PDB file of N, CA and C in Angstrom:
ATOM      1  N   MET A   1     -11.533  17.965  -9.594  1.00  0.00           N
ATOM      2  CA  MET A   1     -12.172  17.219  -8.538  1.00  0.00           C
ATOM      3  C   MET A   1     -11.436  15.889  -8.373  1.00  0.00           C
ATOM      4  N   THR A   2     -11.199  15.477  -7.146  1.00  0.00           N
ATOM      5  CA  THR A   2     -10.525  14.215  -6.866  1.00  0.00           C
ATOM      6  C   THR A   2     -11.402  13.344  -5.973  1.00  0.00           C
ATOM      7  N   CYS A   3     -11.181  12.045  -6.068  1.00  0.00           N
ATOM      8  CA  CYS A   3     -11.973  11.111  -5.258  1.00  0.00           C
ATOM      9  C   CYS A   3     -11.400  11.028  -3.838  1.00  0.00           C
ATOM     10  N   ARG A   4     -12.131  10.401  -2.966  1.00  0.00           N
ATOM     11  CA  ARG A   4     -11.726  10.257  -1.568  1.00  0.00           C
ATOM     12  C   ARG A   4     -10.407   9.489  -1.447  1.00  0.00           C
ATOM     13  N   ALA A   5     -10.235   8.421  -2.246  1.00  0.00           N
ATOM     14  CA  ALA A   5      -9.003   7.637  -2.190  1.00  0.00           C
ATOM     15  C   ALA A   5      -7.798   8.467  -2.660  1.00  0.00           C
ATOM     16  N   CYS A   6      -8.009   9.310  -3.662  1.00  0.00           N
ATOM     17  CA  CYS A   6      -6.935  10.203  -4.128  1.00  0.00           C
ATOM     18  C   CYS A   6      -6.555  11.189  -3.024  1.00  0.00           C
ATOM     19  N   ARG A   7      -7.549  11.792  -2.403  1.00  0.00           N
ATOM     20  CA  ARG A   7      -7.283  12.760  -1.335  1.00  0.00           C
ATOM     21  C   ARG A   7      -6.588  12.100  -0.153  1.00  0.00           C
ATOM     22  N   SER A   8      -6.858  10.817   0.091  1.00  0.00           N
ATOM     23  CA  SER A   8      -6.232  10.096   1.204  1.00  0.00           C
ATOM     24  C   SER A   8      -4.916   9.445   0.804  1.00  0.00           C
ATOM     25  N   ASP A   9      -4.522   9.627  -0.448  1.00  0.00           N
ATOM     26  CA  ASP A   9      -3.274   9.066  -0.976  1.00  0.00           C
ATOM     27  C   ASP A   9      -3.242   7.534  -0.862  1.00  0.00           C
ATOM     28  N   LEU A  10      -4.386   6.893  -1.140  1.00  0.00           N
ATOM     29  CA  LEU A  10      -4.478   5.432  -1.112  1.00  0.00           C
ATOM     30  C   LEU A  10      -4.197   4.858  -2.500  1.00  0.00           C
ATOM     31  N   ASP A  11      -3.563   3.699  -2.538  1.00  0.00           N
ATOM     32  CA  ASP A  11      -3.299   3.011  -3.804  1.00  0.00           C
ATOM     33  C   ASP A  11      -4.623   2.456  -4.318  1.00  0.00           C
ATOM     34  N   HIS A  12      -5.060   2.937  -5.478  1.00  0.00           N
ATOM     35  CA  HIS A  12      -6.348   2.509  -6.026  1.00  0.00           C
ATOM     36  C   HIS A  12      -6.373   2.745  -7.525  1.00  0.00           C
ATOM     37  N   CYS A  13      -7.451   2.278  -8.158  1.00  0.00           N
ATOM     38  CA  CYS A  13      -7.631   2.441  -9.593  1.00  0.00           C
ATOM     39  C   CYS A  13      -9.034   2.979  -9.840  1.00  0.00           C
ATOM     40  N   HIS A  14      -9.180   3.864 -10.823  1.00  0.00           N
ATOM     41  CA  HIS A  14     -10.486   4.426 -11.161  1.00  0.00           C
ATOM     42  C   HIS A  14     -11.239   3.589 -12.189  1.00  0.00           C
ATOM     43  N   GLY A  15     -10.605   2.546 -12.701  1.00  0.00           N
ATOM     44  CA  GLY A  15     -11.247   1.682 -13.686  1.00  0.00           C
ATOM     45  C   GLY A  15     -12.176   0.674 -13.036  1.00  0.00           C
ATOM     46  N   THR A  16     -12.843  -0.091 -13.872  1.00  0.00           N
ATOM     47  CA  THR A  16     -13.724  -1.162 -13.407  1.00  0.00           C
ATOM     48  C   THR A  16     -13.039  -2.497 -13.648  1.00  0.00           C
ATOM     49  N   LEU A  17     -13.005  -3.343 -12.641  1.00  0.00           N
ATOM     50  CA  LEU A  17     -12.413  -4.664 -12.758  1.00  0.00           C
ATOM     51  C   LEU A  17     -13.468  -5.611 -13.322  1.00  0.00           C
ATOM     52  N   VAL A  18     -13.145  -6.266 -14.431  1.00  0.00           N
ATOM     53  CA  VAL A  18     -14.068  -7.198 -15.080  1.00  0.00           C
ATOM     54  C   VAL A  18     -13.583  -8.617 -14.793  1.00  0.00           C
ATOM     55  N   VAL A  19     -14.430  -9.405 -14.133  1.00  0.00           N
ATOM     56  CA  VAL A  19     -14.098 -10.777 -13.765  1.00  0.00           C
ATOM     57  C   VAL A  19     -14.658 -11.711 -14.825  1.00  0.00           C
ATOM     58  N   HIS A  20     -13.784 -12.498 -15.434  1.00  0.00           N
ATOM     59  CA  HIS A  20     -14.175 -13.424 -16.490  1.00  0.00           C
ATOM     60  C   HIS A  20     -14.288 -14.842 -15.955  1.00  0.00           C
ATOM     61  N   ALA A  21     -15.038 -15.677 -16.662  1.00  0.00           N
ATOM     62  CA  ALA A  21     -15.231 -17.074 -16.258  1.00  0.00           C
ATOM     63  C   ALA A  21     -14.018 -17.936 -16.594  1.00  0.00           C
ATOM     64  N   THR A  22     -13.367 -17.666 -17.713  1.00  0.00           N
ATOM     65  CA  THR A  22     -12.299 -18.564 -18.163  1.00  0.00           C
ATOM     66  C   THR A  22     -10.960 -17.894 -18.395  1.00  0.00           C
ATOM     67  N   VAL A  23     -10.900 -16.578 -18.357  1.00  0.00           N
ATOM     68  CA  VAL A  23      -9.635 -15.869 -18.571  1.00  0.00           C
ATOM     69  C   VAL A  23      -9.372 -14.961 -17.380  1.00  0.00           C
ATOM     70  N   PRO A  24      -8.142 -14.478 -17.230  1.00  0.00           N
ATOM     71  CA  PRO A  24      -7.841 -13.604 -16.090  1.00  0.00           C
ATOM     72  C   PRO A  24      -8.686 -12.333 -16.076  1.00  0.00           C
ATOM     73  N   VAL A  25      -8.795 -11.741 -14.906  1.00  0.00           N
ATOM     74  CA  VAL A  25      -9.532 -10.482 -14.777  1.00  0.00           C
ATOM     75  C   VAL A  25      -8.841  -9.403 -15.597  1.00  0.00           C
ATOM     76  N   GLU A  26      -9.611  -8.384 -15.951  1.00  0.00           N
ATOM     77  CA  GLU A  26      -9.035  -7.247 -16.664  1.00  0.00           C
ATOM     78  C   GLU A  26      -9.640  -5.966 -16.119  1.00  0.00           C
ATOM     79  N   CYS A  27      -8.934  -4.868 -16.344  1.00  0.00           N
ATOM     80  CA  CYS A  27      -9.392  -3.568 -15.896  1.00  0.00           C
ATOM     81  C   CYS A  27      -9.681  -2.694 -17.106  1.00  0.00           C
ATOM     82  N   THR A  28     -10.694  -1.852 -16.981  1.00  0.00           N
ATOM     83  CA  THR A  28     -11.052  -0.951 -18.074  1.00  0.00           C
ATOM     84  C   THR A  28     -10.092   0.230 -18.191  1.00  0.00           C
ATOM     85  N   GLU A  29      -9.268   0.435 -17.191  1.00  0.00           N
ATOM     86  CA  GLU A  29      -8.285   1.518 -17.207  1.00  0.00           C
ATOM     87  C   GLU A  29      -7.004   1.012 -17.874  1.00  0.00           C
ATOM     88  N   PRO A  30      -6.606   1.591 -19.005  1.00  0.00           N
ATOM     89  CA  PRO A  30      -5.456   1.072 -19.748  1.00  0.00           C
ATOM     90  C   PRO A  30      -4.132   1.125 -18.983  1.00  0.00           C
ATOM     91  N   ASP A  31      -3.996   2.038 -18.027  1.00  0.00           N
ATOM     92  CA  ASP A  31      -2.743   2.156 -17.278  1.00  0.00           C
ATOM     93  C   ASP A  31      -2.740   1.353 -15.978  1.00  0.00           C
ATOM     94  N   CYS A  32      -3.755   0.546 -15.745  1.00  0.00           N
ATOM     95  CA  CYS A  32      -3.838  -0.236 -14.503  1.00  0.00           C
ATOM     96  C   CYS A  32      -2.758  -1.313 -14.507  1.00  0.00           C
ATOM     97  N   PHE A  33      -1.980  -1.359 -13.448  1.00  0.00           N
ATOM     98  CA  PHE A  33      -0.878  -2.316 -13.355  1.00  0.00           C
ATOM     99  C   PHE A  33      -1.140  -3.430 -12.346  1.00  0.00           C
ATOM    100  N   ASP A  34      -2.141  -3.277 -11.510  1.00  0.00           N
ATOM    101  CA  ASP A  34      -2.435  -4.273 -10.468  1.00  0.00           C
ATOM    102  C   ASP A  34      -3.934  -4.534 -10.470  1.00  0.00           C
ATOM    103  N   THR A  35      -4.329  -5.736 -10.879  1.00  0.00           N
ATOM    104  CA  THR A  35      -5.752  -6.054 -10.993  1.00  0.00           C
ATOM    105  C   THR A  35      -6.323  -6.742  -9.750  1.00  0.00           C
ATOM    106  N   SER A  36      -5.790  -6.412  -8.594  1.00  0.00           N
ATOM    107  CA  SER A  36      -6.358  -6.980  -7.369  1.00  0.00           C
ATOM    108  C   SER A  36      -7.676  -6.272  -7.045  1.00  0.00           C
ATOM    109  N   ARG A  37      -8.578  -7.005  -6.451  1.00  0.00           N
ATOM    110  CA  ARG A  37      -9.912  -6.468  -6.153  1.00  0.00           C
ATOM    111  C   ARG A  37      -9.874  -5.302  -5.178  1.00  0.00           C
ATOM    112  N   VAL A  38      -8.942  -5.316  -4.248  1.00  0.00           N
ATOM    113  CA  VAL A  38      -8.916  -4.261  -3.227  1.00  0.00           C
ATOM    114  C   VAL A  38      -8.583  -2.889  -3.809  1.00  0.00           C
ATOM    115  N   ARG A  39      -7.996  -2.821  -4.970  1.00  0.00           N
ATOM    116  CA  ARG A  39      -7.649  -1.548  -5.612  1.00  0.00           C
ATOM    117  C   ARG A  39      -8.805  -0.971  -6.417  1.00  0.00           C
ATOM    118  N   HIS A  40      -9.865  -1.734  -6.613  1.00  0.00           N
ATOM    119  CA  HIS A  40     -10.961  -1.321  -7.497  1.00  0.00           C
ATOM    120  C   HIS A  40     -12.269  -1.162  -6.732  1.00  0.00           C
ATOM    121  N   MET A  41     -12.880  -0.002  -6.883  1.00  0.00           N
ATOM    122  CA  MET A  41     -14.171   0.246  -6.246  1.00  0.00           C
ATOM    123  C   MET A  41     -15.287  -0.481  -6.995  1.00  0.00           C
ATOM    124  N   LEU A  42     -15.124  -0.619  -8.313  1.00  0.00           N
ATOM    125  CA  LEU A  42     -16.149  -1.265  -9.132  1.00  0.00           C
ATOM    126  C   LEU A  42     -15.638  -2.594  -9.665  1.00  0.00           C
ATOM    127  N   VAL A  43     -16.365  -3.662  -9.365  1.00  0.00           N
ATOM    128  CA  VAL A  43     -16.031  -5.010  -9.839  1.00  0.00           C
ATOM    129  C   VAL A  43     -17.306  -5.597 -10.433  1.00  0.00           C
ATOM    130  N   VAL A  44     -17.228  -6.043 -11.713  1.00  0.00           N
ATOM    131  CA  VAL A  44     -18.401  -6.618 -12.370  1.00  0.00           C
ATOM    132  C   VAL A  44     -18.054  -7.969 -12.979  1.00  0.00           C
ATOM    133  N   ASP A  45     -19.055  -8.794 -13.112  1.00  0.00           N
ATOM    134  CA  ASP A  45     -18.906 -10.064 -13.803  1.00  0.00           C
ATOM    135  C   ASP A  45     -19.060  -9.806 -15.300  1.00  0.00           C
ATOM    136  N   CYS A  46     -18.267 -10.486 -16.115  1.00  0.00           N
ATOM    137  CA  CYS A  46     -18.297 -10.229 -17.556  1.00  0.00           C
ATOM    138  C   CYS A  46     -19.657 -10.536 -18.174  1.00  0.00           C
ATOM    139  N   SER A  47     -20.427 -11.411 -17.576  1.00  0.00           N
ATOM    140  CA  SER A  47     -21.761 -11.717 -18.106  1.00  0.00           C
ATOM    141  C   SER A  47     -22.720 -10.543 -17.938  1.00  0.00           C
ATOM    142  N   ASP A  48     -22.368  -9.575 -17.089  1.00  0.00           N
ATOM    143  CA  ASP A  48     -23.204  -8.402 -16.874  1.00  0.00           C
ATOM    144  C   ASP A  48     -22.895  -7.264 -17.848  1.00  0.00           C
ATOM    145  N   LEU A  49     -21.896  -7.431 -18.707  1.00  0.00           N
ATOM    146  CA  LEU A  49     -21.552  -6.394 -19.679  1.00  0.00           C
ATOM    147  C   LEU A  49     -22.672  -6.242 -20.699  1.00  0.00           C
ATOM    148  N   ALA A  50     -22.830  -5.060 -21.242  1.00  0.00           N
ATOM    149  CA  ALA A  50     -23.924  -4.754 -22.162  1.00  0.00           C
ATOM    150  C   ALA A  50     -23.972  -5.700 -23.356  1.00  0.00           C
ATOM    151  N   HIS A  51     -22.826  -6.028 -23.928  1.00  0.00           N
ATOM    152  CA  HIS A  51     -22.790  -6.896 -25.101  1.00  0.00           C
ATOM    153  C   HIS A  51     -22.312  -8.314 -24.756  1.00  0.00           C
ATOM    154  N   GLY A  52     -22.316  -8.640 -23.479  1.00  0.00           N
ATOM    155  CA  GLY A  52     -21.892  -9.966 -23.054  1.00  0.00           C
ATOM    156  C   GLY A  52     -20.399 -10.172 -23.223  1.00  0.00           C
ATOM    157  N   CYS A  53     -19.980 -11.396 -23.099  1.00  0.00           N
ATOM    158  CA  CYS A  53     -18.565 -11.731 -23.207  1.00  0.00           C
ATOM    159  C   CYS A  53     -18.437 -13.131 -23.788  1.00  0.00           C
ATOM    160  N   GLY A  54     -17.500 -13.313 -24.687  1.00  0.00           N
ATOM    161  CA  GLY A  54     -17.286 -14.608 -25.327  1.00  0.00           C
ATOM    162  C   GLY A  54     -16.891 -15.700 -24.352  1.00  0.00           C
ATOM    163  N   CYS A  55     -16.168 -15.347 -23.287  1.00  0.00           N
ATOM    164  CA  CYS A  55     -15.734 -16.385 -22.356  1.00  0.00           C
ATOM    165  C   CYS A  55     -16.919 -16.979 -21.604  1.00  0.00           C
ATOM    166  N   THR A  56     -17.960 -16.204 -21.362  1.00  0.00           N
ATOM    167  CA  THR A  56     -19.144 -16.709 -20.673  1.00  0.00           C
ATOM    168  C   THR A  56     -19.848 -17.743 -21.533  1.00  0.00           C
ATOM    169  N   GLU A  57     -19.955 -17.477 -22.833  1.00  0.00           N
ATOM    170  CA  GLU A  57     -20.587 -18.427 -23.748  1.00  0.00           C
ATOM    171  C   GLU A  57     -19.810 -19.735 -23.792  1.00  0.00           C
ATOM    172  N   THR A  58     -18.487 -19.652 -23.805  1.00  0.00           N
ATOM    173  CA  THR A  58     -17.639 -20.853 -23.804  1.00  0.00           C
ATOM    174  C   THR A  58     -17.836 -21.633 -22.522  1.00  0.00           C
ATOM    175  N   TYR A  59     -17.875 -20.932 -21.384  1.00  0.00           N
ATOM    176  CA  TYR A  59     -18.035 -21.579 -20.086  1.00  0.00           C
ATOM    177  C   TYR A  59     -19.376 -22.298 -19.994  1.00  0.00           C
ATOM    178  N   VAL A  60     -20.443 -21.659 -20.433  1.00  0.00           N
ATOM    179  CA  VAL A  60     -21.777 -22.265 -20.387  1.00  0.00           C
ATOM    180  C   VAL A  60     -21.825 -23.490 -21.288  1.00  0.00           C
ATOM    181  N   ARG A  61     -21.252 -23.400 -22.491  1.00  0.00           N
ATOM    182  CA  ARG A  61     -21.268 -24.502 -23.435  1.00  0.00           C
ATOM    183  C   ARG A  61     -20.509 -25.703 -22.857  1.00  0.00           C
ATOM    184  N   VAL A  62     -19.328 -25.472 -22.284  1.00  0.00           N
ATOM    185  CA  VAL A  62     -18.544 -26.553 -21.700  1.00  0.00           C
ATOM    186  C   VAL A  62     -19.258 -27.124 -20.483  1.00  0.00           C
ATOM    187  N   GLY A  63     -19.826 -26.245 -19.647  1.00  0.00           N
ATOM    188  CA  GLY A  63     -20.554 -26.706 -18.468  1.00  0.00           C
ATOM    189  C   GLY A  63     -21.758 -27.548 -18.817  1.00  0.00           C
ATOM    190  N   THR A  64     -22.457 -27.194 -19.893  1.00  0.00           N
ATOM    191  CA  THR A  64     -23.629 -27.949 -20.332  1.00  0.00           C
ATOM    192  C   THR A  64     -23.224 -29.330 -20.815  1.00  0.00           C
ATOM    193  N   LEU A  65     -22.112 -29.419 -21.517  1.00  0.00           N
ATOM    194  CA  LEU A  65     -21.647 -30.713 -21.996  1.00  0.00           C
ATOM    195  C   LEU A  65     -21.289 -31.644 -20.839  1.00  0.00           C
ATOM    196  N   ARG A  66     -20.745 -31.106 -19.784  1.00  0.00           N
ATOM    197  CA  ARG A  66     -20.372 -31.933 -18.647  1.00  0.00           C
ATOM    198  C   ARG A  66     -21.580 -32.456 -17.883  1.00  0.00           C
ATOM    199  N   VAL A  67     -22.644 -31.681 -17.853  1.00  0.00           N
ATOM    200  CA  VAL A  67     -23.838 -32.064 -17.105  1.00  0.00           C
ATOM    201  C   VAL A  67     -24.608 -33.151 -17.841  1.00  0.00           C
ATOM    202  N   SER A  68     -24.649 -33.091 -19.147  1.00  0.00           N
ATOM    203  CA  SER A  68     -25.444 -34.024 -19.948  1.00  0.00           C
ATOM    204  C   SER A  68     -24.976 -35.445 -19.847  1.00  0.00           C
TER     205      SER A  68
END
């Protein structure tokens, strides 16, 4: 079975693009070579990951210090 983008021969990735607060985006697909949003059907914020993300904790801690 192939996806619609595969059948249409469109440049795309089957992985999920993870957007981080303090580090570059990453893709869950190990062979992904281009992490642009237009290539990915699924884009999530790292704070929405099941076990969270260390960069979000760092961002919140730094942001809190600046506000105080």
